[in-house]
């Protein structure tokens, strides 16, 4: 009986230490200036500059990040949002993004890598027509988040193409 109780306590303690919550993404909360390069390193590269505000949402169970950018080549404004929550069953964060100028909603699984201070984001299925998406978000510097994203035609394709580099600098 004592052995069973001990095993149970070890199990509960280890699960508690390993469990995550939306509060683990607290470093996202705040106001940010963003400079995003779309298709970096290509002749089609262009920049968007703007702001992002992230706050807790729906009684603190979600984080909502809203962005407004201006495409530097055209002066056109873009608006997009991320809604993020923690999925206990899957053991990952779920991020859904919406953009005013894009009809599809991106759905991502975010995995928090505390050791390397980054988030690894993947799409569980193709997100942009026939493309798969992966990204990393480095939060090693809590005042400067670096997001890099790649896309591929096939999930296991070796030819992933970098589609954006987003550098967000905290303003408050």
C-alpha atoms as a PDB file:
ATOM      1  CA  UNK A   1       0.000   0.000   0.000  1.00  0.00           C
ATOM      2  CA  UNK A   2       2.752   2.491   0.927  1.00  0.00           C
ATOM      3  CA  UNK A   3       4.606   1.602  -2.259  1.00  0.00           C
ATOM      4  CA  UNK A   4       1.449   2.338  -4.313  1.00  0.00           C
ATOM      5  CA  UNK A   5       1.000   5.697  -2.583  1.00  0.00           C
ATOM      6  CA  UNK A   6       4.643   6.578  -3.197  1.00  0.00           C
ATOM      7  CA  UNK A   7       4.392   5.688  -6.892  1.00  0.00           C
ATOM      8  CA  UNK A   8       1.187   7.732  -7.166  1.00  0.00           C
ATOM      9  CA  UNK A   9       2.832  10.776  -5.525  1.00  0.00           C
ATOM     10  CA  UNK A  10       5.854  10.538  -7.819  1.00  0.00           C
ATOM     11  CA  UNK A  11       3.518  10.326 -10.826  1.00  0.00           C
ATOM     12  CA  UNK A  12       1.446  13.335  -9.713  1.00  0.00           C
ATOM     13  CA  UNK A  13       4.554  15.377  -8.849  1.00  0.00           C
ATOM     14  CA  UNK A  14       6.249  14.624 -12.173  1.00  0.00           C
ATOM     15  CA  UNK A  15       3.081  15.487 -14.115  1.00  0.00           C
ATOM     16  CA  UNK A  16       2.711  18.733 -12.182  1.00  0.00           C
ATOM     17  CA  UNK A  17       6.317  19.693 -12.906  1.00  0.00           C
ATOM     18  CA  UNK A  18       5.925  18.856 -16.593  1.00  0.00           C
ATOM     19  CA  UNK A  19       2.470  20.369 -17.098  1.00  0.00           C
ATOM     20  CA  UNK A  20       2.198  23.697 -18.776  1.00  0.00           C
ATOM     21  CA  UNK A  21      -0.342  26.477 -18.849  1.00  0.00           C
ATOM     22  CA  UNK A  22      -1.048  29.616 -20.812  1.00  0.00           C
ATOM     23  CA  UNK A  23       0.982  31.505 -18.164  1.00  0.00           C
ATOM     24  CA  UNK A  24       4.131  29.867 -19.592  1.00  0.00           C
ATOM     25  CA  UNK A  25       3.701  32.253 -22.548  1.00  0.00           C
ATOM     26  CA  UNK A  26       3.614  35.326 -20.305  1.00  0.00           C
ATOM     27  CA  UNK A  27       6.641  36.720 -22.159  1.00  0.00           C
ATOM     28  CA  UNK A  28       4.332  37.439 -25.126  1.00  0.00           C
ATOM     29  CA  UNK A  29       2.203  39.875 -23.121  1.00  0.00           C
ATOM     30  CA  UNK A  30       2.833  43.510 -23.952  1.00  0.00           C
ATOM     31  CA  UNK A  31       3.218  45.948 -26.818  1.00  0.00           C
ATOM     32  CA  UNK A  32       5.726  45.359 -29.589  1.00  0.00           C
ATOM     33  CA  UNK A  33       7.177  47.098 -32.634  1.00  0.00           C
ATOM     34  CA  UNK A  34       7.541  44.596 -35.451  1.00  0.00           C
ATOM     35  CA  UNK A  35       9.644  44.436 -38.571  1.00  0.00           C
ATOM     36  CA  UNK A  36       8.757  41.499 -40.738  1.00  0.00           C
ATOM     37  CA  UNK A  37      10.533  40.460 -43.906  1.00  0.00           C
ATOM     38  CA  UNK A  38       8.422  38.297 -46.195  1.00  0.00           C
ATOM     39  CA  UNK A  39      10.330  35.903 -48.492  1.00  0.00           C
ATOM     40  CA  UNK A  40      13.739  36.955 -47.094  1.00  0.00           C
ATOM     41  CA  UNK A  41      16.754  36.365 -49.325  1.00  0.00           C
ATOM     42  CA  UNK A  42      14.705  36.310 -52.535  1.00  0.00           C
ATOM     43  CA  UNK A  43      14.111  38.855 -55.269  1.00  0.00           C
ATOM     44  CA  UNK A  44      10.462  38.978 -54.105  1.00  0.00           C
ATOM     45  CA  UNK A  45      11.365  40.025 -50.528  1.00  0.00           C
ATOM     46  CA  UNK A  46       9.462  42.900 -48.952  1.00  0.00           C
ATOM     47  CA  UNK A  47       9.011  44.366 -45.489  1.00  0.00           C
ATOM     48  CA  UNK A  48       6.064  45.037 -43.249  1.00  0.00           C
ATOM     49  CA  UNK A  49       6.514  47.358 -40.278  1.00  0.00           C
ATOM     50  CA  UNK A  50       4.004  47.884 -37.508  1.00  0.00           C
ATOM     51  CA  UNK A  51       2.851  47.015 -34.017  1.00  0.00           C
ATOM     52  CA  UNK A  52       1.602  43.986 -32.106  1.00  0.00           C
ATOM     53  CA  UNK A  53      -0.282  43.979 -28.813  1.00  0.00           C
ATOM     54  CA  UNK A  54      -0.668  40.762 -26.835  1.00  0.00           C
ATOM     55  CA  UNK A  55      -2.934  40.386 -23.816  1.00  0.00           C
ATOM     56  CA  UNK A  56      -4.738  37.733 -21.840  1.00  0.00           C
ATOM     57  CA  UNK A  57      -8.198  37.039 -23.206  1.00  0.00           C
ATOM     58  CA  UNK A  58     -11.381  35.229 -22.095  1.00  0.00           C
ATOM     59  CA  UNK A  59     -10.749  35.198 -18.371  1.00  0.00           C
ATOM     60  CA  UNK A  60      -7.018  34.550 -18.797  1.00  0.00           C
ATOM     61  CA  UNK A  61      -7.457  31.221 -20.595  1.00  0.00           C
ATOM     62  CA  UNK A  62      -6.205  32.560 -23.943  1.00  0.00           C
ATOM     63  CA  UNK A  63      -3.706  35.076 -25.256  1.00  0.00           C
ATOM     64  CA  UNK A  64      -4.795  37.355 -28.072  1.00  0.00           C
ATOM     65  CA  UNK A  65      -2.142  39.090 -30.184  1.00  0.00           C
ATOM     66  CA  UNK A  66      -3.341  41.708 -32.650  1.00  0.00           C
ATOM     67  CA  UNK A  67      -1.038  43.160 -35.265  1.00  0.00           C
ATOM     68  CA  UNK A  68      -1.234  46.069 -37.658  1.00  0.00           C
ATOM     69  CA  UNK A  69       1.490  46.439 -40.269  1.00  0.00           C
ATOM     70  CA  UNK A  70       2.183  48.515 -43.345  1.00  0.00           C
ATOM     71  CA  UNK A  71       3.697  46.941 -46.444  1.00  0.00           C
ATOM     72  CA  UNK A  72       6.627  49.232 -47.182  1.00  0.00           C
ATOM     73  CA  UNK A  73       6.532  48.872 -51.004  1.00  0.00           C
ATOM     74  CA  UNK A  74       2.853  49.743 -51.363  1.00  0.00           C
ATOM     75  CA  UNK A  75       1.791  51.525 -48.173  1.00  0.00           C
ATOM     76  CA  UNK A  76      -1.078  49.027 -47.807  1.00  0.00           C
ATOM     77  CA  UNK A  77      -2.153  48.187 -44.241  1.00  0.00           C
ATOM     78  CA  UNK A  78      -2.525  44.609 -42.989  1.00  0.00           C
ATOM     79  CA  UNK A  79      -4.344  43.424 -39.880  1.00  0.00           C
ATOM     80  CA  UNK A  80      -3.970  39.976 -38.344  1.00  0.00           C
ATOM     81  CA  UNK A  81      -4.470  38.231 -35.004  1.00  0.00           C
ATOM     82  CA  UNK A  82      -3.373  35.148 -33.102  1.00  0.00           C
ATOM     83  CA  UNK A  83      -5.542  33.448 -30.494  1.00  0.00           C
ATOM     84  CA  UNK A  84      -3.508  31.043 -28.330  1.00  0.00           C
ATOM     85  CA  UNK A  85      -4.520  28.567 -25.639  1.00  0.00           C
ATOM     86  CA  UNK A  86      -3.088  25.485 -23.954  1.00  0.00           C
ATOM     87  CA  UNK A  87      -4.510  22.075 -24.946  1.00  0.00           C
ATOM     88  CA  UNK A  88      -4.151  19.679 -21.984  1.00  0.00           C
ATOM     89  CA  UNK A  89      -5.126  16.637 -24.060  1.00  0.00           C
ATOM     90  CA  UNK A  90      -2.525  17.243 -26.772  1.00  0.00           C
ATOM     91  CA  UNK A  91       0.114  18.650 -24.416  1.00  0.00           C
ATOM     92  CA  UNK A  92       0.750  21.668 -26.615  1.00  0.00           C
ATOM     93  CA  UNK A  93      -0.394  25.207 -27.203  1.00  0.00           C
ATOM     94  CA  UNK A  94      -2.894  25.856 -29.997  1.00  0.00           C
ATOM     95  CA  UNK A  95      -2.509  29.019 -32.027  1.00  0.00           C
ATOM     96  CA  UNK A  96      -5.068  30.108 -34.590  1.00  0.00           C
ATOM     97  CA  UNK A  97      -4.383  33.088 -36.784  1.00  0.00           C
ATOM     98  CA  UNK A  98      -6.698  35.281 -38.809  1.00  0.00           C
ATOM     99  CA  UNK A  99      -5.864  37.954 -41.363  1.00  0.00           C
ATOM    100  CA  UNK A 100      -8.225  40.493 -42.884  1.00  0.00           C
ATOM    101  CA  UNK A 101      -6.753  39.939 -46.345  1.00  0.00           C
ATOM    102  CA  UNK A 102      -6.481  36.140 -46.350  1.00  0.00           C
ATOM    103  CA  UNK A 103      -9.503  33.812 -46.313  1.00  0.00           C
ATOM    104  CA  UNK A 104      -7.880  30.805 -44.604  1.00  0.00           C
ATOM    105  CA  UNK A 105      -7.379  30.497 -40.850  1.00  0.00           C
ATOM    106  CA  UNK A 106      -4.004  29.086 -39.831  1.00  0.00           C
ATOM    107  CA  UNK A 107      -4.075  26.446 -37.121  1.00  0.00           C
ATOM    108  CA  UNK A 108      -0.814  25.603 -35.404  1.00  0.00           C
ATOM    109  CA  UNK A 109       0.545  23.465 -32.608  1.00  0.00           C
ATOM    110  CA  UNK A 110       3.120  25.302 -30.507  1.00  0.00           C
ATOM    111  CA  UNK A 111       5.607  23.323 -28.422  1.00  0.00           C
ATOM    112  CA  UNK A 112       7.468  25.204 -25.701  1.00  0.00           C
ATOM    113  CA  UNK A 113      11.173  24.338 -25.548  1.00  0.00           C
ATOM    114  CA  UNK A 114      12.150  25.914 -22.220  1.00  0.00           C
ATOM    115  CA  UNK A 115      15.740  24.685 -22.414  1.00  0.00           C
ATOM    116  CA  UNK A 116      16.443  26.506 -25.689  1.00  0.00           C
ATOM    117  CA  UNK A 117      13.993  29.325 -24.911  1.00  0.00           C
ATOM    118  CA  UNK A 118      11.961  28.953 -28.056  1.00  0.00           C
ATOM    119  CA  UNK A 119       8.603  27.871 -29.360  1.00  0.00           C
ATOM    120  CA  UNK A 120       8.456  25.349 -32.174  1.00  0.00           C
ATOM    121  CA  UNK A 121       5.326  25.782 -34.284  1.00  0.00           C
ATOM    122  CA  UNK A 122       3.959  23.288 -36.799  1.00  0.00           C
ATOM    123  CA  UNK A 123       0.771  22.938 -38.761  1.00  0.00           C
ATOM    124  CA  UNK A 124      -1.013  19.678 -38.093  1.00  0.00           C
ATOM    125  CA  UNK A 125      -2.162  19.754 -41.738  1.00  0.00           C
ATOM    126  CA  UNK A 126      -1.579  21.920 -44.761  1.00  0.00           C
ATOM    127  CA  UNK A 127      -2.487  25.484 -43.949  1.00  0.00           C
ATOM    128  CA  UNK A 128      -1.960  27.556 -47.075  1.00  0.00           C
ATOM    129  CA  UNK A 129      -3.593  25.621 -49.892  1.00  0.00           C
ATOM    130  CA  UNK A 130      -1.042  22.857 -50.491  1.00  0.00           C
ATOM    131  CA  UNK A 131       1.695  24.141 -48.178  1.00  0.00           C
ATOM    132  CA  UNK A 132       2.868  22.977 -44.780  1.00  0.00           C
ATOM    133  CA  UNK A 133       4.301  25.420 -42.297  1.00  0.00           C
ATOM    134  CA  UNK A 134       6.902  25.367 -39.517  1.00  0.00           C
ATOM    135  CA  UNK A 135       8.285  28.165 -37.382  1.00  0.00           C
ATOM    136  CA  UNK A 136      10.437  28.952 -34.399  1.00  0.00           C
ATOM    137  CA  UNK A 137       9.975  31.822 -31.995  1.00  0.00           C
ATOM    138  CA  UNK A 138      13.050  32.639 -29.928  1.00  0.00           C
ATOM    139  CA  UNK A 139      12.350  34.276 -26.584  1.00  0.00           C
ATOM    140  CA  UNK A 140      15.898  34.100 -25.184  1.00  0.00           C
ATOM    141  CA  UNK A 141      15.736  37.914 -25.022  1.00  0.00           C
ATOM    142  CA  UNK A 142      12.352  38.681 -23.439  1.00  0.00           C
ATOM    143  CA  UNK A 143      12.406  42.162 -24.995  1.00  0.00           C
ATOM    144  CA  UNK A 144      13.098  40.932 -28.542  1.00  0.00           C
ATOM    145  CA  UNK A 145      11.210  37.990 -30.041  1.00  0.00           C
ATOM    146  CA  UNK A 146      12.495  36.522 -33.298  1.00  0.00           C
ATOM    147  CA  UNK A 147      10.011  34.518 -35.381  1.00  0.00           C
ATOM    148  CA  UNK A 148      11.193  32.590 -38.430  1.00  0.00           C
ATOM    149  CA  UNK A 149       8.823  30.619 -40.631  1.00  0.00           C
ATOM    150  CA  UNK A 150       9.266  28.085 -43.417  1.00  0.00           C
ATOM    151  CA  UNK A 151       6.860  26.460 -45.875  1.00  0.00           C
ATOM    152  CA  UNK A 152       7.005  23.301 -47.957  1.00  0.00           C
ATOM    153  CA  UNK A 153       4.784  21.622 -50.497  1.00  0.00           C
ATOM    154  CA  UNK A 154       5.055  18.295 -48.696  1.00  0.00           C
ATOM    155  CA  UNK A 155       5.168  17.672 -44.961  1.00  0.00           C
ATOM    156  CA  UNK A 156       8.351  15.581 -45.150  1.00  0.00           C
ATOM    157  CA  UNK A 157       9.904  17.607 -47.970  1.00  0.00           C
ATOM    158  CA  UNK A 158      13.565  18.488 -47.527  1.00  0.00           C
ATOM    159  CA  UNK A 159      13.187  21.734 -49.464  1.00  0.00           C
ATOM    160  CA  UNK A 160      11.680  24.062 -46.901  1.00  0.00           C
ATOM    161  CA  UNK A 161      11.668  27.695 -48.027  1.00  0.00           C
ATOM    162  CA  UNK A 162      11.925  30.517 -45.505  1.00  0.00           C
ATOM    163  CA  UNK A 163       8.825  32.638 -45.933  1.00  0.00           C
ATOM    164  CA  UNK A 164       9.264  35.197 -43.167  1.00  0.00           C
ATOM    165  CA  UNK A 165      11.500  36.660 -40.483  1.00  0.00           C
ATOM    166  CA  UNK A 166       9.634  38.680 -37.850  1.00  0.00           C
ATOM    167  CA  UNK A 167      11.538  40.648 -35.215  1.00  0.00           C
ATOM    168  CA  UNK A 168       9.366  42.079 -32.446  1.00  0.00           C
ATOM    169  CA  UNK A 169      10.893  44.550 -30.000  1.00  0.00           C
ATOM    170  CA  UNK A 170       9.051  45.255 -26.745  1.00  0.00           C
ATOM    171  CA  UNK A 171       7.840  48.824 -26.276  1.00  0.00           C
ATOM    172  CA  UNK A 172       6.180  48.284 -22.876  1.00  0.00           C
END
